[in-house]
Amino acid sequence: MPNHPNRGRRTAASNPLPFEIEASRMRVGLKMAEAAALVYASGLAWEYWESGKARMHPAFWELWLLKSANLKPQPSIMDRIK
């Protein structure tokens, strides 16, 4: 099935990589459970997505990107230590 969205080159319809999920959540300063609630998922599902135990469906990723775009980015933990 070469035309399947999760095979071949990465596109907007591909599953996000675990580091992309974690980085986007950290950017807005939410806990896993808070991020999961925004996309109507469980905290455990979010934990699995970030750890790579499960793949996040592109529809959840798109919903997350739409909703998190309206959230104010938070300073990183390294900025808070200074």
PDB file of N, CA and C in Angstrom:
ATOM      1  N   MET A   1       0.837  -1.194   0.000  1.00  0.00           N
ATOM      2  CA  MET A   1       0.000   0.000   0.000  1.00  0.00           C
ATOM      3  C   MET A   1       0.875   1.248   0.000  1.00  0.00           C
ATOM      4  N   PRO A   2       1.502   1.601  -1.092  1.00  0.00           N
ATOM      5  CA  PRO A   2       2.391   2.756  -1.101  1.00  0.00           C
ATOM      6  C   PRO A   2       1.677   4.089  -0.906  1.00  0.00           C
ATOM      7  N   ASN A   3       0.383   4.156  -1.111  1.00  0.00           N
ATOM      8  CA  ASN A   3      -0.318   5.430  -0.962  1.00  0.00           C
ATOM      9  C   ASN A   3      -0.878   5.639   0.446  1.00  0.00           C
ATOM     10  N   HIS A   4      -0.578   4.724   1.365  1.00  0.00           N
ATOM     11  CA  HIS A   4      -1.027   4.858   2.742  1.00  0.00           C
ATOM     12  C   HIS A   4      -0.268   6.020   3.391  1.00  0.00           C
ATOM     13  N   PRO A   5      -0.933   6.889   4.177  1.00  0.00           N
ATOM     14  CA  PRO A   5      -0.269   8.077   4.714  1.00  0.00           C
ATOM     15  C   PRO A   5       0.869   7.796   5.679  1.00  0.00           C
ATOM     16  N   ASN A   6       0.952   6.608   6.259  1.00  0.00           N
ATOM     17  CA  ASN A   6       2.014   6.329   7.216  1.00  0.00           C
ATOM     18  C   ASN A   6       3.151   5.511   6.619  1.00  0.00           C
ATOM     19  N   ARG A   7       3.182   5.402   5.314  1.00  0.00           N
ATOM     20  CA  ARG A   7       4.269   4.713   4.630  1.00  0.00           C
ATOM     21  C   ARG A   7       4.889   5.682   3.636  1.00  0.00           C
ATOM     22  N   GLY A   8       6.152   5.529   3.420  1.00  0.00           N
ATOM     23  CA  GLY A   8       6.812   6.418   2.472  1.00  0.00           C
ATOM     24  C   GLY A   8       7.192   7.734   3.119  1.00  0.00           C
ATOM     25  N   ARG A   9       7.243   8.786   2.328  1.00  0.00           N
ATOM     26  CA  ARG A   9       7.644  10.103   2.821  1.00  0.00           C
ATOM     27  C   ARG A   9       6.648  10.653   3.817  1.00  0.00           C
ATOM     28  N   ARG A  10       7.179  11.446   4.772  1.00  0.00           N
ATOM     29  CA  ARG A  10       6.311  12.073   5.767  1.00  0.00           C
ATOM     30  C   ARG A  10       5.570  13.249   5.128  1.00  0.00           C
ATOM     31  N   THR A  11       4.275  13.304   5.393  1.00  0.00           N
ATOM     32  CA  THR A  11       3.431  14.393   4.907  1.00  0.00           C
ATOM     33  C   THR A  11       2.616  14.922   6.075  1.00  0.00           C
ATOM     34  N   ALA A  12       1.759  15.884   5.810  1.00  0.00           N
ATOM     35  CA  ALA A  12       0.885  16.425   6.853  1.00  0.00           C
ATOM     36  C   ALA A  12      -0.056  15.349   7.400  1.00  0.00           C
ATOM     37  N   ALA A  13      -0.296  14.311   6.615  1.00  0.00           N
ATOM     38  CA  ALA A  13      -1.197  13.240   7.049  1.00  0.00           C
ATOM     39  C   ALA A  13      -0.460  12.117   7.782  1.00  0.00           C
ATOM     40  N   SER A  14       0.833  12.280   8.043  1.00  0.00           N
ATOM     41  CA  SER A  14       1.609  11.257   8.741  1.00  0.00           C
ATOM     42  C   SER A  14       1.417  11.374  10.244  1.00  0.00           C
ATOM     43  N   ASN A  15       1.697  10.273  10.932  1.00  0.00           N
ATOM     44  CA  ASN A  15       1.677  10.310  12.390  1.00  0.00           C
ATOM     45  C   ASN A  15       2.834  11.184  12.861  1.00  0.00           C
ATOM     46  N   PRO A  16       2.613  12.017  13.871  1.00  0.00           N
ATOM     47  CA  PRO A  16       3.728  12.812  14.400  1.00  0.00           C
ATOM     48  C   PRO A  16       4.702  11.905  15.154  1.00  0.00           C
ATOM     49  N   LEU A  17       5.944  12.314  15.208  1.00  0.00           N
ATOM     50  CA  LEU A  17       6.950  11.569  15.953  1.00  0.00           C
ATOM     51  C   LEU A  17       6.851  11.919  17.433  1.00  0.00           C
ATOM     52  N   PRO A  18       7.233  10.989  18.310  1.00  0.00           N
ATOM     53  CA  PRO A  18       7.112  11.257  19.753  1.00  0.00           C
ATOM     54  C   PRO A  18       7.774  12.552  20.211  1.00  0.00           C
ATOM     55  N   PHE A  19       8.964  12.874  19.666  1.00  0.00           N
ATOM     56  CA  PHE A  19       9.621  14.104  20.098  1.00  0.00           C
ATOM     57  C   PHE A  19       8.857  15.348  19.647  1.00  0.00           C
ATOM     58  N   GLU A  20       8.142  15.257  18.535  1.00  0.00           N
ATOM     59  CA  GLU A  20       7.332  16.389  18.076  1.00  0.00           C
ATOM     60  C   GLU A  20       6.162  16.627  19.031  1.00  0.00           C
ATOM     61  N   ILE A  21       5.573  15.542  19.494  1.00  0.00           N
ATOM     62  CA  ILE A  21       4.433  15.647  20.412  1.00  0.00           C
ATOM     63  C   ILE A  21       4.886  16.267  21.723  1.00  0.00           C
ATOM     64  N   GLU A  22       5.980  15.743  22.264  1.00  0.00           N
ATOM     65  CA  GLU A  22       6.479  16.261  23.541  1.00  0.00           C
ATOM     66  C   GLU A  22       6.915  17.715  23.426  1.00  0.00           C
ATOM     67  N   ALA A  23       7.642  18.054  22.369  1.00  0.00           N
ATOM     68  CA  ALA A  23       8.124  19.432  22.197  1.00  0.00           C
ATOM     69  C   ALA A  23       6.966  20.418  22.067  1.00  0.00           C
ATOM     70  N   SER A  24       5.922  20.030  21.363  1.00  0.00           N
ATOM     71  CA  SER A  24       4.790  20.949  21.186  1.00  0.00           C
ATOM     72  C   SER A  24       4.034  21.153  22.501  1.00  0.00           C
ATOM     73  N   ARG A  25       3.956  20.087  23.308  1.00  0.00           N
ATOM     74  CA  ARG A  25       3.303  20.220  24.617  1.00  0.00           C
ATOM     75  C   ARG A  25       4.136  21.070  25.557  1.00  0.00           C
ATOM     76  N   MET A  26       5.440  20.836  25.568  1.00  0.00           N
ATOM     77  CA  MET A  26       6.335  21.599  26.439  1.00  0.00           C
ATOM     78  C   MET A  26       6.341  23.080  26.064  1.00  0.00           C
ATOM     79  N   ARG A  27       6.199  23.360  24.766  1.00  0.00           N
ATOM     80  CA  ARG A  27       6.209  24.750  24.293  1.00  0.00           C
ATOM     81  C   ARG A  27       5.105  25.568  24.954  1.00  0.00           C
ATOM     82  N   VAL A  28       3.958  24.954  25.179  1.00  0.00           N
ATOM     83  CA  VAL A  28       2.845  25.683  25.786  1.00  0.00           C
ATOM     84  C   VAL A  28       2.735  25.447  27.288  1.00  0.00           C
ATOM     85  N   GLY A  29       3.639  24.636  27.823  1.00  0.00           N
ATOM     86  CA  GLY A  29       3.716  24.461  29.266  1.00  0.00           C
ATOM     87  C   GLY A  29       2.585  23.678  29.903  1.00  0.00           C
ATOM     88  N   LEU A  30       2.041  22.696  29.194  1.00  0.00           N
ATOM     89  CA  LEU A  30       0.957  21.883  29.754  1.00  0.00           C
ATOM     90  C   LEU A  30       1.478  20.541  30.239  1.00  0.00           C
ATOM     91  N   LYS A  31       0.799  19.984  31.223  1.00  0.00           N
ATOM     92  CA  LYS A  31       1.071  18.618  31.662  1.00  0.00           C
ATOM     93  C   LYS A  31       0.420  17.686  30.647  1.00  0.00           C
ATOM     94  N   MET A  32       0.839  16.425  30.669  1.00  0.00           N
ATOM     95  CA  MET A  32       0.288  15.459  29.712  1.00  0.00           C
ATOM     96  C   MET A  32      -1.231  15.353  29.816  1.00  0.00           C
ATOM     97  N   ALA A  33      -1.752  15.291  31.035  1.00  0.00           N
ATOM     98  CA  ALA A  33      -3.198  15.156  31.227  1.00  0.00           C
ATOM     99  C   ALA A  33      -3.943  16.382  30.686  1.00  0.00           C
ATOM    100  N   GLU A  34      -3.362  17.555  30.841  1.00  0.00           N
ATOM    101  CA  GLU A  34      -3.998  18.780  30.337  1.00  0.00           C
ATOM    102  C   GLU A  34      -4.017  18.783  28.812  1.00  0.00           C
ATOM    103  N   ALA A  35      -2.906  18.382  28.213  1.00  0.00           N
ATOM    104  CA  ALA A  35      -2.841  18.318  26.748  1.00  0.00           C
ATOM    105  C   ALA A  35      -3.825  17.284  26.214  1.00  0.00           C
ATOM    106  N   ALA A  36      -3.883  16.138  26.885  1.00  0.00           N
ATOM    107  CA  ALA A  36      -4.803  15.077  26.463  1.00  0.00           C
ATOM    108  C   ALA A  36      -6.248  15.554  26.508  1.00  0.00           C
ATOM    109  N   ALA A  37      -6.591  16.295  27.552  1.00  0.00           N
ATOM    110  CA  ALA A  37      -7.961  16.786  27.686  1.00  0.00           C
ATOM    111  C   ALA A  37      -8.341  17.704  26.526  1.00  0.00           C
ATOM    112  N   LEU A  38      -7.381  18.456  26.008  1.00  0.00           N
ATOM    113  CA  LEU A  38      -7.677  19.353  24.879  1.00  0.00           C
ATOM    114  C   LEU A  38      -8.101  18.596  23.627  1.00  0.00           C
ATOM    115  N   VAL A  39      -7.607  17.372  23.469  1.00  0.00           N
ATOM    116  CA  VAL A  39      -7.951  16.590  22.270  1.00  0.00           C
ATOM    117  C   VAL A  39      -8.882  15.428  22.596  1.00  0.00           C
ATOM    118  N   TYR A  40      -9.494  15.489  23.790  1.00  0.00           N
ATOM    119  CA  TYR A  40     -10.482  14.488  24.206  1.00  0.00           C
ATOM    120  C   TYR A  40      -9.884  13.082  24.275  1.00  0.00           C
ATOM    121  N   ALA A  41      -8.658  12.991  24.780  1.00  0.00           N
ATOM    122  CA  ALA A  41      -7.981  11.705  24.949  1.00  0.00           C
ATOM    123  C   ALA A  41      -7.627  11.530  26.420  1.00  0.00           C
ATOM    124  N   SER A  42      -7.211  10.338  26.792  1.00  0.00           N
ATOM    125  CA  SER A  42      -6.811  10.087  28.174  1.00  0.00           C
ATOM    126  C   SER A  42      -5.350  10.489  28.377  1.00  0.00           C
ATOM    127  N   GLY A  43      -5.004  10.726  29.626  1.00  0.00           N
ATOM    128  CA  GLY A  43      -3.622  11.032  29.948  1.00  0.00           C
ATOM    129  C   GLY A  43      -2.700   9.873  29.597  1.00  0.00           C
ATOM    130  N   LEU A  44      -3.193   8.650  29.758  1.00  0.00           N
ATOM    131  CA  LEU A  44      -2.400   7.479  29.421  1.00  0.00           C
ATOM    132  C   LEU A  44      -2.127   7.412  27.919  1.00  0.00           C
ATOM    133  N   ALA A  45      -3.126   7.744  27.119  1.00  0.00           N
ATOM    134  CA  ALA A  45      -2.927   7.760  25.665  1.00  0.00           C
ATOM    135  C   ALA A  45      -1.840   8.765  25.304  1.00  0.00           C
ATOM    136  N   TRP A  46      -1.902   9.951  25.912  1.00  0.00           N
ATOM    137  CA  TRP A  46      -0.890  10.976  25.623  1.00  0.00           C
ATOM    138  C   TRP A  46       0.498  10.484  26.025  1.00  0.00           C
ATOM    139  N   GLU A  47       0.566   9.842  27.190  1.00  0.00           N
ATOM    140  CA  GLU A  47       1.846   9.299  27.656  1.00  0.00           C
ATOM    141  C   GLU A  47       2.389   8.282  26.647  1.00  0.00           C
ATOM    142  N   TYR A  48       1.529   7.427  26.132  1.00  0.00           N
ATOM    143  CA  TYR A  48       1.942   6.440  25.134  1.00  0.00           C
ATOM    144  C   TYR A  48       2.409   7.115  23.854  1.00  0.00           C
ATOM    145  N   TRP A  49       1.730   8.176  23.431  1.00  0.00           N
ATOM    146  CA  TRP A  49       2.131   8.892  22.217  1.00  0.00           C
ATOM    147  C   TRP A  49       3.519   9.497  22.375  1.00  0.00           C
ATOM    148  N   GLU A  50       3.776  10.131  23.523  1.00  0.00           N
ATOM    149  CA  GLU A  50       5.078  10.767  23.744  1.00  0.00           C
ATOM    150  C   GLU A  50       6.189   9.741  23.916  1.00  0.00           C
ATOM    151  N   SER A  51       5.876   8.586  24.478  1.00  0.00           N
ATOM    152  CA  SER A  51       6.908   7.580  24.715  1.00  0.00           C
ATOM    153  C   SER A  51       7.166   6.724  23.479  1.00  0.00           C
ATOM    154  N   GLY A  52       6.288   6.793  22.497  1.00  0.00           N
ATOM    155  CA  GLY A  52       6.435   5.981  21.293  1.00  0.00           C
ATOM    156  C   GLY A  52       5.798   4.612  21.413  1.00  0.00           C
ATOM    157  N   LYS A  53       5.101   4.341  22.522  1.00  0.00           N
ATOM    158  CA  LYS A  53       4.415   3.053  22.680  1.00  0.00           C
ATOM    159  C   LYS A  53       3.223   2.935  21.742  1.00  0.00           C
ATOM    160  N   ALA A  54       2.671   4.074  21.357  1.00  0.00           N
ATOM    161  CA  ALA A  54       1.543   4.112  20.417  1.00  0.00           C
ATOM    162  C   ALA A  54       1.730   5.314  19.506  1.00  0.00           C
ATOM    163  N   ARG A  55       1.165   5.232  18.317  1.00  0.00           N
ATOM    164  CA  ARG A  55       1.248   6.355  17.380  1.00  0.00           C
ATOM    165  C   ARG A  55       0.008   7.229  17.522  1.00  0.00           C
ATOM    166  N   MET A  56       0.220   8.527  17.515  1.00  0.00           N
ATOM    167  CA  MET A  56      -0.901   9.470  17.569  1.00  0.00           C
ATOM    168  C   MET A  56      -1.514   9.548  16.169  1.00  0.00           C
ATOM    169  N   HIS A  57      -2.810   9.402  16.091  1.00  0.00           N
ATOM    170  CA  HIS A  57      -3.506   9.505  14.811  1.00  0.00           C
ATOM    171  C   HIS A  57      -3.372  10.939  14.299  1.00  0.00           C
ATOM    172  N   PRO A  58      -3.187  11.110  13.003  1.00  0.00           N
ATOM    173  CA  PRO A  58      -3.048  12.453  12.448  1.00  0.00           C
ATOM    174  C   PRO A  58      -4.216  13.396  12.786  1.00  0.00           C
ATOM    175  N   ALA A  59      -5.404  12.847  12.996  1.00  0.00           N
ATOM    176  CA  ALA A  59      -6.550  13.708  13.340  1.00  0.00           C
ATOM    177  C   ALA A  59      -6.373  14.313  14.736  1.00  0.00           C
ATOM    178  N   PHE A  60      -5.858  13.526  15.687  1.00  0.00           N
ATOM    179  CA  PHE A  60      -5.569  14.060  17.015  1.00  0.00           C
ATOM    180  C   PHE A  60      -4.471  15.114  16.935  1.00  0.00           C
ATOM    181  N   TRP A  61      -3.456  14.844  16.121  1.00  0.00           N
ATOM    182  CA  TRP A  61      -2.347  15.790  15.963  1.00  0.00           C
ATOM    183  C   TRP A  61      -2.844  17.108  15.380  1.00  0.00           C
ATOM    184  N   GLU A  62      -3.679  17.028  14.367  1.00  0.00           N
ATOM    185  CA  GLU A  62      -4.213  18.243  13.759  1.00  0.00           C
ATOM    186  C   GLU A  62      -5.061  19.026  14.766  1.00  0.00           C
ATOM    187  N   LEU A  63      -5.890  18.321  15.530  1.00  0.00           N
ATOM    188  CA  LEU A  63      -6.700  18.994  16.549  1.00  0.00           C
ATOM    189  C   LEU A  63      -5.800  19.654  17.588  1.00  0.00           C
ATOM    190  N   TRP A  64      -4.756  18.942  18.023  1.00  0.00           N
ATOM    191  CA  TRP A  64      -3.813  19.506  18.983  1.00  0.00           C
ATOM    192  C   TRP A  64      -3.158  20.767  18.419  1.00  0.00           C
ATOM    193  N   LEU A  65      -2.704  20.714  17.177  1.00  0.00           N
ATOM    194  CA  LEU A  65      -2.050  21.882  16.579  1.00  0.00           C
ATOM    195  C   LEU A  65      -3.002  23.069  16.498  1.00  0.00           C
ATOM    196  N   LEU A  66      -4.246  22.812  16.145  1.00  0.00           N
ATOM    197  CA  LEU A  66      -5.223  23.898  16.063  1.00  0.00           C
ATOM    198  C   LEU A  66      -5.492  24.514  17.436  1.00  0.00           C
ATOM    199  N   LYS A  67      -5.687  23.672  18.433  1.00  0.00           N
ATOM    200  CA  LYS A  67      -6.010  24.181  19.766  1.00  0.00           C
ATOM    201  C   LYS A  67      -4.801  24.781  20.468  1.00  0.00           C
ATOM    202  N   SER A  68      -3.643  24.175  20.318  1.00  0.00           N
ATOM    203  CA  SER A  68      -2.462  24.690  21.013  1.00  0.00           C
ATOM    204  C   SER A  68      -1.931  25.966  20.379  1.00  0.00           C
ATOM    205  N   ALA A  69      -2.313  26.232  19.139  1.00  0.00           N
ATOM    206  CA  ALA A  69      -1.870  27.471  18.486  1.00  0.00           C
ATOM    207  C   ALA A  69      -2.407  28.701  19.211  1.00  0.00           C
ATOM    208  N   ASN A  70      -3.517  28.546  19.912  1.00  0.00           N
ATOM    209  CA  ASN A  70      -4.118  29.672  20.630  1.00  0.00           C
ATOM    210  C   ASN A  70      -3.586  29.817  22.047  1.00  0.00           C
ATOM    211  N   LEU A  71      -2.710  28.917  22.465  1.00  0.00           N
ATOM    212  CA  LEU A  71      -2.147  28.977  23.807  1.00  0.00           C
ATOM    213  C   LEU A  71      -0.847  29.759  23.788  1.00  0.00           C
ATOM    214  N   LYS A  72      -0.590  30.480  24.854  1.00  0.00           N
ATOM    215  CA  LYS A  72       0.617  31.294  24.946  1.00  0.00           C
ATOM    216  C   LYS A  72       1.819  30.393  25.236  1.00  0.00           C
ATOM    217  N   PRO A  73       2.884  30.499  24.425  1.00  0.00           N
ATOM    218  CA  PRO A  73       4.086  29.705  24.712  1.00  0.00           C
ATOM    219  C   PRO A  73       4.652  30.075  26.088  1.00  0.00           C
ATOM    220  N   GLN A  74       5.116  29.068  26.806  1.00  0.00           N
ATOM    221  CA  GLN A  74       5.678  29.260  28.139  1.00  0.00           C
ATOM    222  C   GLN A  74       7.200  29.190  28.071  1.00  0.00           C
ATOM    223  N   PRO A  75       7.883  29.910  28.963  1.00  0.00           N
ATOM    224  CA  PRO A  75       9.347  29.820  28.968  1.00  0.00           C
ATOM    225  C   PRO A  75       9.785  28.416  29.337  1.00  0.00           C
ATOM    226  N   SER A  76      10.907  28.009  28.804  1.00  0.00           N
ATOM    227  CA  SER A  76      11.412  26.669  29.106  1.00  0.00           C
ATOM    228  C   SER A  76      11.925  26.616  30.535  1.00  0.00           C
ATOM    229  N   ILE A  77      12.104  25.428  31.038  1.00  0.00           N
ATOM    230  CA  ILE A  77      12.608  25.241  32.393  1.00  0.00           C
ATOM    231  C   ILE A  77      13.992  25.857  32.538  1.00  0.00           C
ATOM    232  N   MET A  78      14.781  25.834  31.476  1.00  0.00           N
ATOM    233  CA  MET A  78      16.126  26.417  31.534  1.00  0.00           C
ATOM    234  C   MET A  78      16.050  27.939  31.719  1.00  0.00           C
ATOM    235  N   ASP A  79      15.047  28.570  31.134  1.00  0.00           N
ATOM    236  CA  ASP A  79      14.868  30.015  31.303  1.00  0.00           C
ATOM    237  C   ASP A  79      14.499  30.352  32.744  1.00  0.00           C
ATOM    238  N   ARG A  80      13.765  29.444  33.401  1.00  0.00           N
ATOM    239  CA  ARG A  80      13.325  29.693  34.772  1.00  0.00           C
ATOM    240  C   ARG A  80      14.467  29.533  35.769  1.00  0.00           C
ATOM    241  N   ILE A  81      15.478  28.744  35.434  1.00  0.00           N
ATOM    242  CA  ILE A  81      16.595  28.494  36.340  1.00  0.00           C
ATOM    243  C   ILE A  81      17.509  29.706  36.426  1.00  0.00           C
ATOM    244  N   LYS A  82      17.651  30.444  35.360  1.00  0.00           N
ATOM    245  CA  LYS A  82      18.573  31.591  35.299  1.00  0.00           C
ATOM    246  C   LYS A  82      18.252  32.655  36.320  1.00  0.00           C
TER     247      LYS A  82
END
